[in-house]
């Protein structure tokens, strides 16, 4: 078997954009750590802010090239990571899927690992990663996820080339002791060589439409229905 073709990716130094953060999210001063707040904060009206889903975006957007960043999720039991278009719906309820401009994976309840396709695709992963690598190839229309500790490939979204800005997306929806932390980009390193990511169909099990697993986590839905704009 031929050796995999290496890809050169730029290390992105991602930090969070507080102007986009749902009112239930707490962002550290260095804008790298994310926690869940016990009560909703009173924040100024901002069209950039997520009011329904408990999401926050990275400050930097991408319109070309190959980029990667790593996120330390530790032992958190619930999280969402990936990228989204800059014009995604932020106020009204929409499903987090590629059709709506989101390319993300999720861990629910500490064991339910899914790629958020439509319907969601259940991923067979024995040990959820403690650190997740997100890899964006803009021109090829690919968003790939890896266990950043051992390099194991988790999932790749593939589509026609992207058009318009993409931003890193982060979502948590439960109060847990461990913060979700964006790792600083390696100093003095401008690129990273990674085997050409290829999806492994054996890891994917589409979740039947209408099943409990085919929808957003009920607890997350309940907590996301808390913004001041909701009746």
Protein backbone atom coordinates (compact mmCIF):
# COMPACT_ATOMS: atom_id res chain seq x y z
CA UNK A 1 0.00 0.00 0.00
CA UNK A 2 1.34 3.43 -0.93
CA UNK A 3 2.26 5.83 1.83
CA UNK A 4 -0.41 8.50 2.53
CA UNK A 5 0.13 11.84 0.84
CA UNK A 6 1.11 14.47 3.42
CA UNK A 7 -0.83 17.72 3.67
CA UNK A 8 0.72 20.94 4.86
CA UNK A 9 -1.52 22.92 7.16
CA UNK A 10 -1.03 26.26 8.89
CA UNK A 11 -1.31 26.22 12.68
CA UNK A 12 -4.17 28.61 13.53
CA UNK A 13 -3.95 30.47 16.83
CA UNK A 14 -7.67 30.42 17.60
CA UNK A 15 -9.24 32.47 20.40
CA UNK A 16 -12.91 32.95 21.25
CA UNK A 17 -15.02 35.92 20.20
CA UNK A 18 -17.12 37.00 23.23
CA UNK A 19 -19.46 39.03 21.01
CA UNK A 20 -20.78 35.74 19.56
CA UNK A 21 -21.12 33.83 22.86
CA UNK A 22 -24.49 32.59 24.10
CA UNK A 23 -25.44 34.24 27.44
CA UNK A 24 -24.98 30.95 29.32
CA UNK A 25 -21.29 30.70 28.41
CA UNK A 26 -18.32 31.89 30.46
CA UNK A 27 -15.13 32.86 28.60
CA UNK A 28 -11.78 33.25 30.32
CA UNK A 29 -9.75 36.44 30.11
CA UNK A 30 -7.30 34.86 27.67
CA UNK A 31 -10.31 33.81 25.52
CA UNK A 32 -9.21 30.18 25.32
CA UNK A 33 -11.29 28.49 28.07
CA UNK A 34 -15.01 27.92 27.94
CA UNK A 35 -17.34 27.01 30.83
CA UNK A 36 -21.08 26.82 31.44
CA UNK A 37 -22.63 29.54 33.64
CA UNK A 38 -25.20 28.65 36.26
CA UNK A 39 -27.32 31.67 35.33
CA UNK A 40 -27.70 33.63 32.13
CA UNK A 41 -25.74 36.85 31.86
CA UNK A 42 -27.41 40.09 30.84
CA UNK A 43 -25.59 41.10 27.67
CA UNK A 44 -26.03 43.88 25.10
CA UNK A 45 -28.03 43.08 21.99
CA UNK A 46 -25.69 41.93 19.26
CA UNK A 47 -26.72 40.34 15.93
CA UNK A 48 -23.53 38.24 16.06
CA UNK A 49 -24.54 36.55 19.34
CA UNK A 50 -26.01 33.04 19.50
CA UNK A 51 -29.30 33.29 21.38
CA UNK A 52 -30.72 29.77 20.85
CA UNK A 53 -27.80 27.32 20.65
CA UNK A 54 -25.15 27.62 23.36
CA UNK A 55 -22.37 28.30 20.86
CA UNK A 56 -19.43 30.66 20.53
CA UNK A 57 -17.20 31.27 17.51
CA UNK A 58 -13.50 31.80 17.04
CA UNK A 59 -12.42 35.35 16.27
CA UNK A 60 -10.55 34.55 13.05
CA UNK A 61 -12.31 33.44 9.87
CA UNK A 62 -10.87 31.45 6.96
CA UNK A 63 -11.54 31.90 3.25
CA UNK A 64 -8.70 29.82 1.78
CA UNK A 65 -5.91 27.43 2.65
CA UNK A 66 -5.39 24.53 5.04
CA UNK A 67 -5.55 25.14 8.78
CA UNK A 68 -5.59 23.18 12.02
CA UNK A 69 -6.17 23.82 15.70
CA UNK A 70 -6.48 21.62 18.76
CA UNK A 71 -9.03 21.67 21.58
CA UNK A 72 -8.52 20.08 24.98
CA UNK A 73 -11.91 18.61 25.97
CA UNK A 74 -10.48 16.59 28.87
CA UNK A 75 -13.11 14.46 30.58
CA UNK A 76 -16.07 16.62 29.58
CA UNK A 77 -19.14 14.51 28.82
CA UNK A 78 -20.81 16.90 26.36
CA UNK A 79 -19.32 19.13 23.68
CA UNK A 80 -19.56 20.22 20.04
CA UNK A 81 -16.63 21.21 17.82
CA UNK A 82 -16.12 22.15 14.19
CA UNK A 83 -16.65 25.06 11.83
CA UNK A 84 -19.58 27.03 10.48
CA UNK A 85 -20.38 29.65 7.88
CA UNK A 86 -20.36 33.21 9.15
CA UNK A 87 -24.01 33.69 8.15
CA UNK A 88 -25.54 30.77 10.09
CA UNK A 89 -28.79 31.33 11.98
CA UNK A 90 -27.99 32.49 15.52
CA UNK A 91 -31.38 33.43 16.99
CA UNK A 92 -33.98 30.95 15.73
CA UNK A 93 -33.80 27.15 16.16
CA UNK A 94 -32.07 25.33 13.32
CA UNK A 95 -30.49 21.90 13.31
CA UNK A 96 -26.70 21.87 13.43
CA UNK A 97 -25.99 20.16 10.09
CA UNK A 98 -24.00 20.91 6.92
CA UNK A 99 -27.24 21.86 5.17
CA UNK A 100 -27.52 24.76 7.62
CA UNK A 101 -23.85 25.74 7.42
CA UNK A 102 -22.39 23.67 10.30
CA UNK A 103 -19.72 20.93 10.06
CA UNK A 104 -19.29 19.54 13.57
CA UNK A 105 -18.86 16.42 15.69
CA UNK A 106 -20.36 15.97 19.15
CA UNK A 107 -19.99 13.94 22.31
CA UNK A 108 -23.22 13.48 24.29
CA UNK A 109 -23.61 11.93 27.75
CA UNK A 110 -19.97 10.89 27.80
CA UNK A 111 -20.38 7.98 25.37
CA UNK A 112 -22.60 8.95 22.42
CA UNK A 113 -20.14 10.15 19.76
CA UNK A 114 -21.66 11.52 16.54
CA UNK A 115 -20.90 13.37 13.34
CA UNK A 116 -23.67 15.91 12.93
CA UNK A 117 -24.75 15.02 9.45
CA UNK A 118 -28.46 14.87 8.58
CA UNK A 119 -29.42 12.48 10.06
CA UNK A 120 -26.59 12.31 12.55
CA UNK A 121 -24.00 9.56 12.02
CA UNK A 122 -23.09 7.55 15.10
CA UNK A 123 -19.33 7.01 15.38
CA UNK A 124 -17.93 3.83 16.88
CA UNK A 125 -15.16 5.11 19.13
CA UNK A 126 -14.22 3.13 22.23
CA UNK A 127 -12.30 5.91 23.97
CA UNK A 128 -13.46 9.48 23.25
CA UNK A 129 -10.44 11.74 22.68
CA UNK A 130 -9.18 14.03 25.42
CA UNK A 131 -7.77 16.43 22.83
CA UNK A 132 -9.38 16.96 19.44
CA UNK A 133 -7.61 18.20 16.32
CA UNK A 134 -9.75 20.12 13.80
CA UNK A 135 -8.36 20.30 10.24
CA UNK A 136 -9.84 22.54 7.55
CA UNK A 137 -8.97 22.22 3.87
CA UNK A 138 -10.95 25.10 2.39
CA UNK A 139 -10.36 24.47 -1.33
CA UNK A 140 -11.09 20.75 -1.07
CA UNK A 141 -14.24 21.34 0.98
CA UNK A 142 -13.07 19.11 3.84
CA UNK A 143 -13.31 19.36 7.60
CA UNK A 144 -11.52 16.52 9.41
CA UNK A 145 -11.28 15.54 13.05
CA UNK A 146 -8.52 13.58 14.77
CA UNK A 147 -7.57 12.39 18.22
CA UNK A 148 -4.75 14.90 18.69
CA UNK A 149 -3.02 12.64 21.22
CA UNK A 150 -2.41 9.59 19.00
CA UNK A 151 -3.35 10.91 15.53
CA UNK A 152 -6.33 8.57 15.08
CA UNK A 153 -8.71 9.79 12.37
CA UNK A 154 -12.25 10.34 13.67
CA UNK A 155 -14.33 11.71 10.79
CA UNK A 156 -14.13 13.83 7.62
CA UNK A 157 -16.88 15.96 6.13
CA UNK A 158 -16.43 16.23 2.35
CA UNK A 159 -18.37 18.45 -0.03
CA UNK A 160 -17.84 20.79 -2.95
CA UNK A 161 -15.37 23.60 -2.22
CA UNK A 162 -16.56 26.11 0.35
CA UNK A 163 -17.66 29.62 -0.53
CA UNK A 164 -17.65 32.42 2.02
CA UNK A 165 -15.91 32.77 5.39
CA UNK A 166 -15.72 29.82 7.81
CA UNK A 167 -15.21 30.23 11.55
CA UNK A 168 -14.25 27.77 14.31
CA UNK A 169 -17.30 26.79 16.36
CA UNK A 170 -17.46 25.60 19.97
CA UNK A 171 -20.48 24.49 21.96
CA UNK A 172 -21.04 23.17 25.49
CA UNK A 173 -24.37 22.66 27.20
CA UNK A 174 -23.73 21.29 30.67
CA UNK A 175 -22.05 22.46 33.87
CA UNK A 176 -18.94 20.32 34.35
CA UNK A 177 -15.73 20.74 36.39
CA UNK A 178 -13.50 20.68 33.31
CA UNK A 179 -13.32 23.67 30.98
CA UNK A 180 -13.14 23.26 27.23
CA UNK A 181 -9.76 24.78 26.31
CA UNK A 182 -8.35 25.86 22.95
CA UNK A 183 -4.66 24.96 22.75
CA UNK A 184 -2.25 27.73 21.69
CA UNK A 185 -0.70 27.27 18.25
CA UNK A 186 2.85 25.84 18.45
CA UNK A 187 5.37 28.66 18.61
CA UNK A 188 7.82 28.81 15.76
CA UNK A 189 5.85 26.28 13.70
CA UNK A 190 4.06 27.52 10.60
CA UNK A 191 2.84 24.22 9.22
CA UNK A 192 2.04 20.66 10.13
CA UNK A 193 2.29 17.49 8.10
CA UNK A 194 -0.65 15.15 8.37
CA UNK A 195 -1.63 12.02 6.42
CA UNK A 196 -4.24 12.79 3.78
CA UNK A 197 -7.54 12.32 5.67
CA UNK A 198 -9.92 9.71 4.27
CA UNK A 199 -13.30 8.92 5.85
CA UNK A 200 -13.68 5.42 7.25
CA UNK A 201 -17.25 4.31 6.42
CA UNK A 202 -17.01 1.47 8.94
CA UNK A 203 -17.04 4.03 11.74
CA UNK A 204 -20.30 5.61 10.61
CA UNK A 205 -23.81 4.43 11.46
CA UNK A 206 -26.56 6.78 10.27
CA UNK A 207 -29.08 7.49 13.01
CA UNK A 208 -32.65 6.89 11.90
CA UNK A 209 -34.72 10.01 11.43
CA UNK A 210 -37.14 10.58 14.28
CA UNK A 211 -35.20 8.46 16.77
CA UNK A 212 -34.04 9.91 20.06
CA UNK A 213 -30.46 9.93 18.86
CA UNK A 214 -31.39 11.70 15.64
CA UNK A 215 -32.20 14.93 17.42
CA UNK A 216 -30.33 17.41 19.56
CA UNK A 217 -29.68 16.40 23.16
CA UNK A 218 -32.95 17.10 25.10
CA UNK A 219 -31.10 18.71 27.98
CA UNK A 220 -29.29 21.01 25.59
CA UNK A 221 -32.56 21.96 23.90
CA UNK A 222 -34.14 22.82 27.22
CA UNK A 223 -31.22 24.98 28.31
CA UNK A 224 -30.94 26.66 24.93
CA UNK A 225 -34.55 27.86 25.16
CA UNK A 226 -33.60 30.35 27.85
CA UNK A 227 -32.58 33.56 26.01
CA UNK A 228 -34.45 36.76 26.93
CA UNK A 229 -35.98 36.91 23.45
CA UNK A 230 -37.86 33.64 24.04
CA UNK A 231 -41.39 33.96 25.49
